[in-house]
Amino acid sequence: MNAFLDAIGGFALVAGALFALLAGIGVHKFTDPYSRMHAAAKSPTLGLVLVALGAGLRIRTFGAAATLVLVVILQLLTSPVGTHLAGRAVHMRVKVPLDGPDELERDERAAD
C-alpha cells in the first residue's frame, strides 16, 4: 500500500510541477495582459494543489498534512483576490482592445 501511495504522490508532484511550468510559459508567451493574468492565476493554483496532494501522500504525517491543507486554503483564498486587483489595475492603466462592451468602465462611470 505504501508503494502505491508513493507512486500516486509522485505522479501528483510531477503533474503539479508541469502545471506551474505551463503557467510560466503562458505568462512569457501571451501578449495580452488579460491572457497573462489568466495563465498566472489558473495553472499555478492547480499546480500547487497537486504538489500539496503529492507531498501529503509521500510524507504521510499529520503535521505535514495540516500545513499543506492550510497552504492550499490560503492559496485558494488569496489567488482570486490578487488576480481581481491586478485585473482592475490593468484596466485602469492599459488600453486593451476588447471583444465586447466594457461593462467595468460603464459601472465605474455610473458610480461616480
Protein backbone atom coordinates (compact mmCIF):
# COMPACT_ATOMS: atom_id res chain seq x y z
CA MET A 1 0.00 0.00 0.00
CA ASN A 2 2.87 2.39 0.76
CA ALA A 3 4.36 1.89 -2.69
CA PHE A 4 1.00 2.69 -4.30
CA LEU A 5 0.61 5.91 -2.28
CA ASP A 6 4.19 6.88 -3.11
CA ALA A 7 3.52 6.35 -6.82
CA ILE A 8 0.32 8.41 -6.74
CA GLY A 9 2.13 11.11 -4.75
CA GLY A 10 5.00 11.18 -7.23
CA PHE A 11 2.57 11.46 -10.13
CA ALA A 12 0.77 14.36 -8.42
CA LEU A 13 4.08 16.11 -7.75
CA VAL A 14 5.15 15.83 -11.39
CA ALA A 15 1.72 16.92 -12.67
CA GLY A 16 1.72 19.93 -10.34
CA ALA A 17 5.20 20.93 -11.48
CA LEU A 18 4.07 20.67 -15.11
CA PHE A 19 1.10 22.95 -14.42
CA ALA A 20 3.45 25.50 -12.85
CA LEU A 21 5.75 25.21 -15.87
CA LEU A 22 2.83 25.74 -18.25
CA ALA A 23 1.84 28.84 -16.29
CA GLY A 24 5.33 30.27 -16.66
CA ILE A 25 5.35 29.56 -20.37
CA GLY A 26 1.90 31.15 -20.72
CA VAL A 27 2.97 34.30 -18.90
CA HIS A 28 6.02 34.52 -21.16
CA LYS A 29 4.30 33.75 -24.48
CA PHE A 30 0.94 35.55 -24.19
CA THR A 31 0.94 39.17 -25.35
CA ASP A 32 -2.36 40.40 -23.91
CA PRO A 33 -2.30 41.42 -20.21
CA TYR A 34 -5.58 39.64 -19.51
CA SER A 35 -4.32 36.42 -21.07
CA ARG A 36 -1.16 36.66 -19.00
CA MET A 37 -3.21 37.13 -15.84
CA HIS A 38 -5.33 34.10 -16.72
CA ALA A 39 -2.21 31.98 -17.19
CA ALA A 40 -0.68 33.33 -13.97
CA ALA A 41 -3.81 32.66 -11.89
CA LYS A 42 -5.30 29.36 -13.01
CA SER A 43 -2.45 26.94 -13.64
CA PRO A 44 -0.27 27.71 -10.61
CA THR A 45 -3.23 27.27 -8.28
CA LEU A 46 -4.00 23.81 -9.65
CA GLY A 47 -0.28 23.05 -9.69
CA LEU A 48 0.06 23.99 -6.03
CA VAL A 49 -2.93 21.84 -5.09
CA LEU A 50 -1.41 18.87 -6.92
CA VAL A 51 2.03 19.43 -5.39
CA ALA A 52 0.48 19.67 -1.91
CA LEU A 53 -1.50 16.50 -2.53
CA GLY A 54 1.59 14.69 -3.77
CA ALA A 55 3.68 15.89 -0.84
CA GLY A 56 0.97 14.85 1.61
CA LEU A 57 0.80 11.38 0.08
CA ARG A 58 4.56 11.00 0.20
CA ILE A 59 5.16 12.39 3.72
CA ARG A 60 2.06 10.97 5.47
CA THR A 61 2.32 12.76 8.81
CA PHE A 62 -0.42 14.76 10.47
CA GLY A 63 1.70 17.89 10.89
CA ALA A 64 2.68 17.94 7.23
CA ALA A 65 -0.89 17.29 6.11
CA ALA A 66 -2.24 20.08 8.31
CA THR A 67 0.36 22.52 6.97
CA LEU A 68 -0.33 21.55 3.36
CA VAL A 69 -4.10 21.93 3.84
CA LEU A 70 -3.51 25.39 5.31
CA VAL A 71 -1.28 26.35 2.37
CA VAL A 72 -3.89 25.19 -0.16
CA ILE A 73 -6.73 27.01 1.63
CA LEU A 74 -4.75 30.24 1.79
CA GLN A 75 -3.80 29.94 -1.87
CA LEU A 76 -7.41 29.35 -2.89
CA LEU A 77 -8.49 32.39 -0.86
CA THR A 78 -5.79 34.84 -1.97
CA SER A 79 -5.27 33.97 -5.64
CA PRO A 80 -8.68 35.20 -6.87
CA VAL A 81 -8.38 38.41 -4.86
CA GLY A 82 -4.90 39.15 -6.19
CA THR A 83 -5.94 38.42 -9.76
CA HIS A 84 -9.01 40.63 -9.39
CA LEU A 85 -6.91 43.53 -8.12
CA ALA A 86 -4.35 43.06 -10.89
CA GLY A 87 -7.14 42.99 -13.47
CA ARG A 88 -8.61 46.25 -12.18
CA ALA A 89 -5.16 47.86 -12.18
CA VAL A 90 -4.56 46.75 -15.77
CA HIS A 91 -7.99 48.03 -16.75
CA MET A 92 -7.24 51.45 -15.28
CA ARG A 93 -3.74 51.83 -16.77
CA VAL A 94 -3.60 49.89 -20.06
CA LYS A 95 -5.90 50.24 -23.05
CA VAL A 96 -6.52 46.68 -24.20
CA PRO A 97 -8.79 46.02 -27.20
CA LEU A 98 -11.91 44.17 -26.03
CA ASP A 99 -14.31 41.93 -27.97
CA GLY A 100 -17.46 43.44 -26.47
CA PRO A 101 -18.73 46.28 -24.34
CA ASP A 102 -16.62 47.49 -21.45
CA GLU A 103 -19.00 46.88 -18.55
CA LEU A 104 -16.46 47.74 -15.86
CA GLU A 105 -15.89 51.21 -17.31
CA ARG A 106 -19.65 51.70 -17.61
CA ASP A 107 -20.16 50.71 -13.97
CA GLU A 108 -17.31 52.95 -12.78
CA ARG A 109 -18.82 55.94 -14.62
CA ALA A 110 -22.23 55.19 -13.14
CA ALA A 111 -20.75 55.03 -9.62
CA ASP A 112 -19.16 58.50 -9.97
